[in-house]
Amino acid sequence: MMLYLVPTILGISLMWQLDNKKQWQGILLGYYMCGSYVCSLVIALQLPASNVAGYTKRITATAITFAAYCLGNVIGPFAFLESESPKWPTGCRVGLACCVTQVVVAGCLRALLIYRNKKKENEAETAFGGSEHDNQAVDEVTSDMTDFENPKFRYML
C-alpha cells in the first residue's frame, strides 16, 4: 500500500506546484501518476476481509471500512473550491494530507500485524508441543473463532 501511494503523492505535488501555462506536461504527468492510488485502495478495502476472523467481526470491519471510503468520497469534492480554480490548492493539500496519512497508517498497521503474528507464534510454541496443535486445526477452522481466539490465525501483511 505504501509503495503504491508514492506516485500519487508525487503526482499531486506536481499538479499543485507547477505552472499551468509553462509546465503543462509536468502537470499532465502528475495527473497520470495519481491513478496509482487505486492499487492501494483495493488493498485497503480487502484488508478487513483478510485480517479479521469470525463472521460477525469480519462483516462489521468490512462495512466500517466501506462506509469510511464512501464518506471520504462524499466529503472530498468539497475541498476543491471554485474560487481557487484552476490550481485548487486546498484540494491538493487535502489530497496530499490523506495520502501521507494513509502511508503512515499503513506502516503502523504493518508493524502491528507483524507484532501480533510473532506474539501468536511465541504463544503457540509455548502452549502446544507441535503434534497436539496440528490435531486441533480442523476444529479451529470449522468453529467461528475470531482472530484473537484462534491461535493458528495469521495476519496478512
N, C-alpha and C. Protein backbone atom coordinates (compact mmCIF):
# COMPACT_ATOMS: atom_id res chain seq x y z
N MET A 1 0.82 -1.20 0.00
CA MET A 1 0.00 0.00 0.00
C MET A 1 0.86 1.25 0.00
N MET A 2 1.87 1.23 0.84
CA MET A 2 2.72 2.42 0.95
C MET A 2 3.42 2.72 -0.36
N LEU A 3 3.90 1.70 -1.04
CA LEU A 3 4.62 1.87 -2.29
C LEU A 3 3.71 2.43 -3.39
N TYR A 4 2.46 1.99 -3.43
CA TYR A 4 1.53 2.46 -4.45
C TYR A 4 1.14 3.92 -4.25
N LEU A 5 1.28 4.44 -3.06
CA LEU A 5 0.90 5.82 -2.79
C LEU A 5 2.00 6.83 -3.12
N VAL A 6 3.22 6.38 -3.26
CA VAL A 6 4.33 7.30 -3.57
C VAL A 6 4.09 8.04 -4.89
N PRO A 7 3.72 7.34 -6.00
CA PRO A 7 3.45 8.10 -7.23
C PRO A 7 2.28 9.07 -7.08
N THR A 8 1.29 8.71 -6.30
CA THR A 8 0.16 9.62 -6.08
C THR A 8 0.61 10.88 -5.35
N ILE A 9 1.43 10.72 -4.35
CA ILE A 9 1.95 11.87 -3.60
C ILE A 9 2.77 12.77 -4.53
N LEU A 10 3.62 12.16 -5.35
CA LEU A 10 4.42 12.93 -6.30
C LEU A 10 3.52 13.61 -7.34
N GLY A 11 2.51 12.90 -7.82
CA GLY A 11 1.61 13.46 -8.82
C GLY A 11 0.82 14.65 -8.31
N ILE A 12 0.29 14.54 -7.09
CA ILE A 12 -0.43 15.67 -6.50
C ILE A 12 0.50 16.86 -6.33
N SER A 13 1.71 16.60 -5.89
CA SER A 13 2.69 17.68 -5.70
C SER A 13 3.00 18.37 -7.02
N LEU A 14 3.15 17.60 -8.10
CA LEU A 14 3.43 18.19 -9.41
C LEU A 14 2.25 19.06 -9.87
N MET A 15 1.05 18.55 -9.74
CA MET A 15 -0.13 19.32 -10.19
C MET A 15 -0.30 20.60 -9.39
N TRP A 16 0.05 20.54 -8.11
CA TRP A 16 -0.14 21.68 -7.23
C TRP A 16 0.92 22.75 -7.44
N GLN A 17 2.16 22.35 -7.65
CA GLN A 17 3.27 23.29 -7.63
C GLN A 17 3.71 23.81 -9.00
N LEU A 18 3.42 23.08 -10.07
CA LEU A 18 3.90 23.51 -11.39
C LEU A 18 2.99 24.58 -11.99
N ASP A 19 3.57 25.39 -12.86
CA ASP A 19 2.85 26.46 -13.54
C ASP A 19 1.98 25.87 -14.66
N ASN A 20 0.70 26.26 -14.68
CA ASN A 20 -0.24 25.71 -15.66
C ASN A 20 0.13 26.01 -17.10
N LYS A 21 0.65 27.18 -17.36
CA LYS A 21 0.91 27.62 -18.73
C LYS A 21 2.26 27.09 -19.26
N LYS A 22 3.30 27.17 -18.45
CA LYS A 22 4.64 26.83 -18.91
C LYS A 22 4.99 25.35 -18.72
N GLN A 23 4.45 24.72 -17.70
CA GLN A 23 4.85 23.35 -17.36
C GLN A 23 3.66 22.39 -17.42
N TRP A 24 2.83 22.53 -18.44
CA TRP A 24 1.63 21.71 -18.53
C TRP A 24 1.95 20.23 -18.70
N GLN A 25 3.11 19.90 -19.30
CA GLN A 25 3.49 18.50 -19.47
C GLN A 25 3.71 17.84 -18.10
N GLY A 26 4.33 18.56 -17.18
CA GLY A 26 4.55 18.04 -15.83
C GLY A 26 3.25 17.86 -15.08
N ILE A 27 2.31 18.79 -15.31
CA ILE A 27 1.01 18.67 -14.66
C ILE A 27 0.26 17.45 -15.21
N LEU A 28 0.34 17.24 -16.51
CA LEU A 28 -0.29 16.07 -17.12
C LEU A 28 0.33 14.78 -16.60
N LEU A 29 1.66 14.76 -16.48
CA LEU A 29 2.35 13.60 -15.92
C LEU A 29 1.88 13.36 -14.48
N GLY A 30 1.78 14.43 -13.70
CA GLY A 30 1.29 14.29 -12.32
C GLY A 30 -0.12 13.73 -12.27
N TYR A 31 -0.96 14.17 -13.20
CA TYR A 31 -2.33 13.67 -13.28
C TYR A 31 -2.34 12.17 -13.55
N TYR A 32 -1.51 11.73 -14.48
CA TYR A 32 -1.44 10.31 -14.80
C TYR A 32 -0.88 9.49 -13.62
N MET A 33 0.03 10.08 -12.89
CA MET A 33 0.64 9.38 -11.75
C MET A 33 -0.35 9.18 -10.60
N CYS A 34 -1.31 10.06 -10.49
CA CYS A 34 -2.27 9.98 -9.37
C CYS A 34 -3.13 8.73 -9.40
N GLY A 35 -3.25 8.10 -10.54
CA GLY A 35 -4.08 6.90 -10.65
C GLY A 35 -3.56 5.70 -9.89
N SER A 36 -2.31 5.74 -9.46
CA SER A 36 -1.75 4.57 -8.76
C SER A 36 -2.37 4.35 -7.39
N TYR A 37 -3.10 5.34 -6.87
CA TYR A 37 -3.74 5.15 -5.57
C TYR A 37 -4.78 4.04 -5.61
N VAL A 38 -5.29 3.72 -6.79
CA VAL A 38 -6.32 2.69 -6.90
C VAL A 38 -5.81 1.34 -6.41
N CYS A 39 -4.55 1.04 -6.67
CA CYS A 39 -3.96 -0.22 -6.18
C CYS A 39 -3.98 -0.26 -4.66
N SER A 40 -3.64 0.84 -4.04
CA SER A 40 -3.66 0.92 -2.59
C SER A 40 -5.09 0.84 -2.06
N LEU A 41 -6.02 1.43 -2.78
CA LEU A 41 -7.43 1.40 -2.38
C LEU A 41 -7.95 -0.02 -2.36
N VAL A 42 -7.63 -0.80 -3.38
CA VAL A 42 -8.09 -2.19 -3.43
C VAL A 42 -7.54 -2.98 -2.24
N ILE A 43 -6.29 -2.77 -1.93
CA ILE A 43 -5.69 -3.46 -0.78
C ILE A 43 -6.36 -3.02 0.52
N ALA A 44 -6.61 -1.73 0.67
CA ALA A 44 -7.25 -1.22 1.89
C ALA A 44 -8.65 -1.77 2.06
N LEU A 45 -9.38 -1.92 0.97
CA LEU A 45 -10.74 -2.46 1.06
C LEU A 45 -10.74 -3.97 1.34
N GLN A 46 -9.66 -4.65 0.96
CA GLN A 46 -9.57 -6.09 1.17
C GLN A 46 -9.00 -6.48 2.53
N LEU A 47 -8.26 -5.59 3.17
CA LEU A 47 -7.60 -5.92 4.44
C LEU A 47 -8.53 -6.45 5.52
N PRO A 48 -9.69 -5.83 5.75
CA PRO A 48 -10.55 -6.37 6.82
C PRO A 48 -11.02 -7.80 6.54
N ALA A 49 -11.28 -8.12 5.29
CA ALA A 49 -11.73 -9.48 4.97
C ALA A 49 -10.61 -10.50 5.16
N SER A 50 -9.37 -10.08 4.99
CA SER A 50 -8.23 -10.99 5.11
C SER A 50 -7.70 -11.10 6.53
N ASN A 51 -7.84 -10.04 7.31
CA ASN A 51 -7.17 -10.00 8.61
C ASN A 51 -8.10 -10.03 9.81
N VAL A 52 -9.35 -10.31 9.59
CA VAL A 52 -10.29 -10.41 10.70
C VAL A 52 -11.00 -11.74 10.58
N ALA A 53 -11.02 -12.50 11.65
CA ALA A 53 -11.69 -13.79 11.67
C ALA A 53 -12.96 -13.68 12.50
N GLY A 54 -13.86 -14.59 12.26
CA GLY A 54 -15.15 -14.55 12.92
C GLY A 54 -16.12 -13.80 12.01
N TYR A 55 -17.22 -14.45 11.66
CA TYR A 55 -18.12 -13.91 10.65
C TYR A 55 -18.62 -12.51 10.99
N THR A 56 -19.17 -12.32 12.16
CA THR A 56 -19.75 -11.03 12.53
C THR A 56 -18.68 -9.95 12.59
N LYS A 57 -17.55 -10.27 13.17
CA LYS A 57 -16.45 -9.31 13.28
C LYS A 57 -15.93 -8.91 11.90
N ARG A 58 -15.79 -9.89 11.00
CA ARG A 58 -15.29 -9.61 9.65
C ARG A 58 -16.27 -8.73 8.88
N ILE A 59 -17.55 -9.07 8.93
CA ILE A 59 -18.56 -8.29 8.21
C ILE A 59 -18.62 -6.86 8.75
N THR A 60 -18.55 -6.71 10.05
CA THR A 60 -18.58 -5.38 10.66
C THR A 60 -17.36 -4.56 10.25
N ALA A 61 -16.19 -5.16 10.30
CA ALA A 61 -14.96 -4.44 9.91
C ALA A 61 -15.00 -4.05 8.44
N THR A 62 -15.49 -4.93 7.59
CA THR A 62 -15.59 -4.61 6.17
C THR A 62 -16.60 -3.49 5.93
N ALA A 63 -17.72 -3.53 6.63
CA ALA A 63 -18.75 -2.50 6.47
C ALA A 63 -18.24 -1.13 6.94
N ILE A 64 -17.51 -1.10 8.05
CA ILE A 64 -16.96 0.17 8.55
C ILE A 64 -15.94 0.74 7.56
N THR A 65 -15.10 -0.13 7.01
CA THR A 65 -14.11 0.32 6.03
C THR A 65 -14.80 0.89 4.79
N PHE A 66 -15.82 0.19 4.31
CA PHE A 66 -16.53 0.66 3.12
C PHE A 66 -17.28 1.96 3.40
N ALA A 67 -17.87 2.08 4.59
CA ALA A 67 -18.58 3.32 4.95
C ALA A 67 -17.60 4.50 5.03
N ALA A 68 -16.40 4.26 5.57
CA ALA A 68 -15.40 5.33 5.63
C ALA A 68 -14.96 5.74 4.23
N TYR A 69 -14.80 4.77 3.35
CA TYR A 69 -14.45 5.05 1.96
C TYR A 69 -15.54 5.91 1.30
N CYS A 70 -16.79 5.53 1.50
CA CYS A 70 -17.92 6.29 0.92
C CYS A 70 -17.98 7.70 1.50
N LEU A 71 -17.77 7.82 2.80
CA LEU A 71 -17.78 9.14 3.44
C LEU A 71 -16.69 10.03 2.86
N GLY A 72 -15.52 9.48 2.62
CA GLY A 72 -14.44 10.24 2.00
C GLY A 72 -14.80 10.70 0.60
N ASN A 73 -15.51 9.86 -0.13
CA ASN A 73 -15.93 10.24 -1.48
C ASN A 73 -16.99 11.34 -1.46
N VAL A 74 -17.78 11.40 -0.40
CA VAL A 74 -18.78 12.46 -0.28
C VAL A 74 -18.11 13.77 0.14
N ILE A 75 -17.20 13.70 1.08
CA ILE A 75 -16.56 14.90 1.63
C ILE A 75 -15.49 15.47 0.69
N GLY A 76 -14.75 14.62 0.00
CA GLY A 76 -13.61 15.03 -0.81
C GLY A 76 -13.86 16.16 -1.79
N PRO A 77 -14.91 16.12 -2.58
CA PRO A 77 -15.13 17.19 -3.56
C PRO A 77 -15.31 18.58 -2.95
N PHE A 78 -15.71 18.66 -1.70
CA PHE A 78 -15.89 19.96 -1.06
C PHE A 78 -14.57 20.67 -0.78
N ALA A 79 -13.45 19.96 -0.91
CA ALA A 79 -12.13 20.57 -0.72
C ALA A 79 -11.69 21.35 -1.95
N PHE A 80 -12.34 21.10 -3.08
CA PHE A 80 -11.98 21.79 -4.32
C PHE A 80 -12.91 22.99 -4.50
N LEU A 81 -12.41 24.14 -4.10
CA LEU A 81 -13.20 25.36 -4.09
C LEU A 81 -13.16 26.03 -5.47
N GLU A 82 -14.31 26.43 -5.95
CA GLU A 82 -14.40 27.04 -7.28
C GLU A 82 -13.56 28.31 -7.38
N SER A 83 -13.47 29.05 -6.31
CA SER A 83 -12.70 30.30 -6.32
C SER A 83 -11.20 30.06 -6.48
N GLU A 84 -10.72 28.84 -6.25
CA GLU A 84 -9.29 28.53 -6.34
C GLU A 84 -8.90 27.91 -7.69
N SER A 85 -9.85 27.83 -8.60
CA SER A 85 -9.60 27.24 -9.91
C SER A 85 -8.52 28.04 -10.64
N PRO A 86 -7.63 27.46 -11.39
CA PRO A 86 -7.51 26.06 -11.78
C PRO A 86 -6.49 25.28 -10.95
N LYS A 87 -5.86 25.89 -9.97
CA LYS A 87 -4.83 25.20 -9.18
C LYS A 87 -5.40 24.38 -8.02
N TRP A 88 -6.50 24.82 -7.44
CA TRP A 88 -7.16 24.17 -6.31
C TRP A 88 -6.18 23.77 -5.20
N PRO A 89 -5.51 24.74 -4.60
CA PRO A 89 -4.51 24.41 -3.57
C PRO A 89 -5.11 23.72 -2.34
N THR A 90 -6.33 24.09 -1.95
CA THR A 90 -6.94 23.43 -0.78
C THR A 90 -7.19 21.96 -1.09
N GLY A 91 -7.71 21.67 -2.26
CA GLY A 91 -7.95 20.29 -2.66
C GLY A 91 -6.66 19.48 -2.74
N CYS A 92 -5.62 20.11 -3.26
CA CYS A 92 -4.32 19.43 -3.34
C CYS A 92 -3.76 19.15 -1.95
N ARG A 93 -3.88 20.12 -1.05
CA ARG A 93 -3.40 19.92 0.32
C ARG A 93 -4.17 18.80 1.01
N VAL A 94 -5.49 18.79 0.84
CA VAL A 94 -6.30 17.74 1.47
C VAL A 94 -5.95 16.37 0.90
N GLY A 95 -5.83 16.28 -0.43
CA GLY A 95 -5.45 15.01 -1.05
C GLY A 95 -4.07 14.55 -0.62
N LEU A 96 -3.14 15.47 -0.55
CA LEU A 96 -1.79 15.15 -0.11
C LEU A 96 -1.79 14.69 1.35
N ALA A 97 -2.53 15.39 2.18
CA ALA A 97 -2.61 15.00 3.60
C ALA A 97 -3.22 13.61 3.75
N CYS A 98 -4.24 13.31 2.98
CA CYS A 98 -4.87 11.99 3.06
C CYS A 98 -3.91 10.89 2.62
N CYS A 99 -3.17 11.14 1.53
CA CYS A 99 -2.22 10.13 1.04
C CYS A 99 -1.08 9.91 2.03
N VAL A 100 -0.54 10.98 2.57
CA VAL A 100 0.55 10.85 3.54
C VAL A 100 0.06 10.16 4.81
N THR A 101 -1.15 10.50 5.24
CA THR A 101 -1.73 9.84 6.42
C THR A 101 -1.93 8.36 6.16
N GLN A 102 -2.37 8.00 4.95
CA GLN A 102 -2.56 6.59 4.63
C GLN A 102 -1.23 5.85 4.64
N VAL A 103 -0.16 6.48 4.19
CA VAL A 103 1.15 5.84 4.24
C VAL A 103 1.56 5.57 5.69
N VAL A 104 1.35 6.55 6.56
CA VAL A 104 1.71 6.40 7.98
C VAL A 104 0.85 5.31 8.62
N VAL A 105 -0.45 5.34 8.37
CA VAL A 105 -1.35 4.34 8.96
C VAL A 105 -1.00 2.94 8.44
N ALA A 106 -0.70 2.82 7.15
CA ALA A 106 -0.32 1.52 6.59
C ALA A 106 0.97 1.00 7.22
N GLY A 107 1.92 1.89 7.45
CA GLY A 107 3.16 1.48 8.11
C GLY A 107 2.92 1.02 9.55
N CYS A 108 2.09 1.75 10.26
CA CYS A 108 1.75 1.36 11.64
C CYS A 108 0.98 0.05 11.66
N LEU A 109 0.07 -0.13 10.72
CA LEU A 109 -0.69 -1.37 10.64
C LEU A 109 0.22 -2.55 10.35
N ARG A 110 1.17 -2.35 9.45
CA ARG A 110 2.12 -3.42 9.14
C ARG A 110 2.93 -3.81 10.37
N ALA A 111 3.41 -2.83 11.11
CA ALA A 111 4.17 -3.11 12.33
C ALA A 111 3.31 -3.84 13.35
N LEU A 112 2.06 -3.42 13.50
CA LEU A 112 1.15 -4.08 14.44
C LEU A 112 0.89 -5.53 14.05
N LEU A 113 0.65 -5.79 12.76
CA LEU A 113 0.37 -7.15 12.33
C LEU A 113 1.60 -8.05 12.45
N ILE A 114 2.77 -7.52 12.19
CA ILE A 114 3.99 -8.30 12.41
C ILE A 114 4.14 -8.64 13.88
N TYR A 115 3.90 -7.66 14.75
CA TYR A 115 3.97 -7.90 16.19
C TYR A 115 2.97 -8.98 16.62
N ARG A 116 1.73 -8.87 16.14
CA ARG A 116 0.71 -9.86 16.52
C ARG A 116 1.05 -11.26 16.01
N ASN A 117 1.58 -11.37 14.80
CA ASN A 117 1.97 -12.68 14.27
C ASN A 117 3.09 -13.29 15.10
N LYS A 118 4.08 -12.49 15.46
CA LYS A 118 5.18 -13.00 16.29
C LYS A 118 4.67 -13.43 17.66
N LYS A 119 3.76 -12.64 18.22
CA LYS A 119 3.20 -12.97 19.53
C LYS A 119 2.42 -14.29 19.46
N LYS A 120 1.64 -14.49 18.41
CA LYS A 120 0.88 -15.74 18.25
C LYS A 120 1.81 -16.92 18.06
N GLU A 121 2.89 -16.73 17.31
CA GLU A 121 3.85 -17.82 17.11
C GLU A 121 4.52 -18.20 18.41
N ASN A 122 4.89 -17.21 19.21
CA ASN A 122 5.52 -17.50 20.50
C ASN A 122 4.54 -18.20 21.44
N GLU A 123 3.28 -17.76 21.47
CA GLU A 123 2.28 -18.39 22.31
C GLU A 123 2.00 -19.81 21.86
N ALA A 124 1.97 -20.04 20.55
CA ALA A 124 1.71 -21.39 20.03
C ALA A 124 2.85 -22.34 20.37
N GLU A 125 4.07 -21.85 20.32
CA GLU A 125 5.21 -22.70 20.64
C GLU A 125 5.23 -23.09 22.11
N THR A 126 4.85 -22.16 22.98
CA THR A 126 4.87 -22.48 24.41
C THR A 126 3.64 -23.25 24.84
N ALA A 127 2.48 -23.00 24.23
CA ALA A 127 1.24 -23.65 24.67
C ALA A 127 1.09 -25.05 24.09
N PHE A 128 1.55 -25.26 22.87
CA PHE A 128 1.38 -26.55 22.21
C PHE A 128 2.74 -27.12 21.89
N GLY A 129 2.82 -28.44 21.96
CA GLY A 129 4.09 -29.09 21.70
C GLY A 129 4.35 -29.41 20.25
N GLY A 130 3.38 -29.21 19.38
CA GLY A 130 3.59 -29.49 17.96
C GLY A 130 2.49 -30.37 17.42
N SER A 131 2.51 -31.67 17.70
CA SER A 131 1.54 -32.59 17.12
C SER A 131 0.14 -32.34 17.68
N GLU A 132 0.03 -32.03 18.96
CA GLU A 132 -1.27 -31.76 19.57
C GLU A 132 -1.91 -30.53 18.92
N HIS A 133 -1.09 -29.55 18.59
CA HIS A 133 -1.57 -28.33 17.94
C HIS A 133 -2.13 -28.64 16.55
N ASP A 134 -1.48 -29.53 15.80
CA ASP A 134 -1.92 -29.88 14.45
C ASP A 134 -3.25 -30.63 14.46
N ASN A 135 -3.52 -31.43 15.47
CA ASN A 135 -4.77 -32.18 15.56
C ASN A 135 -5.97 -31.27 15.78
N GLN A 136 -5.77 -30.09 16.33
CA GLN A 136 -6.87 -29.17 16.61
C GLN A 136 -7.21 -28.28 15.42
N ALA A 137 -6.47 -28.39 14.33
CA ALA A 137 -6.65 -27.48 13.19
C ALA A 137 -8.04 -27.58 12.59
N VAL A 138 -8.58 -28.77 12.45
CA VAL A 138 -9.90 -28.94 11.84
C VAL A 138 -10.97 -28.28 12.70
N ASP A 139 -10.90 -28.46 14.02
CA ASP A 139 -11.87 -27.84 14.91
C ASP A 139 -11.81 -26.33 14.86
N GLU A 140 -10.61 -25.76 14.72
CA GLU A 140 -10.46 -24.31 14.67
C GLU A 140 -11.02 -23.72 13.38
N VAL A 141 -10.88 -24.44 12.28
CA VAL A 141 -11.38 -23.94 11.01
C VAL A 141 -12.90 -23.97 10.97
N THR A 142 -13.50 -25.02 11.50
CA THR A 142 -14.96 -25.14 11.44
C THR A 142 -15.67 -24.30 12.49
N SER A 143 -15.00 -23.96 13.56
CA SER A 143 -15.63 -23.09 14.56
C SER A 143 -15.54 -21.64 14.09
N ASP A 144 -16.37 -20.78 14.66
CA ASP A 144 -16.41 -19.37 14.24
C ASP A 144 -15.62 -18.52 15.23
N MET A 145 -14.32 -18.82 15.36
CA MET A 145 -13.48 -18.08 16.29
C MET A 145 -12.96 -16.81 15.64
N THR A 146 -12.76 -15.77 16.44
CA THR A 146 -12.19 -14.54 15.93
C THR A 146 -10.68 -14.69 15.79
N ASP A 147 -10.06 -13.69 15.19
CA ASP A 147 -8.62 -13.73 15.01
C ASP A 147 -7.87 -13.73 16.34
N PHE A 148 -8.46 -13.15 17.38
CA PHE A 148 -7.81 -13.16 18.69
C PHE A 148 -7.95 -14.52 19.38
N GLU A 149 -9.05 -15.22 19.13
CA GLU A 149 -9.31 -16.50 19.78
C GLU A 149 -8.58 -17.66 19.12
N ASN A 150 -8.38 -17.61 17.81
CA ASN A 150 -7.80 -18.71 17.06
C ASN A 150 -6.27 -18.62 17.09
N PRO A 151 -5.62 -19.56 17.75
CA PRO A 151 -4.15 -19.50 17.84
C PRO A 151 -3.45 -19.76 16.51
N LYS A 152 -4.12 -20.37 15.52
CA LYS A 152 -3.50 -20.64 14.23
C LYS A 152 -3.70 -19.51 13.23
N PHE A 153 -4.52 -18.52 13.56
CA PHE A 153 -4.79 -17.43 12.63
C PHE A 153 -3.55 -16.55 12.49
N ARG A 154 -3.20 -16.24 11.24
CA ARG A 154 -2.06 -15.35 10.96
C ARG A 154 -2.55 -14.19 10.11
N TYR A 155 -2.08 -13.02 10.43
CA TYR A 155 -2.48 -11.80 9.73
C TYR A 155 -1.71 -11.69 8.42
N MET A 156 -2.39 -11.20 7.38
CA MET A 156 -1.78 -10.99 6.07
C MET A 156 -1.12 -9.62 6.07
N LEU A 157 0.12 -9.55 5.59
CA LEU A 157 0.84 -8.28 5.57
C LEU A 157 0.79 -7.66 4.20
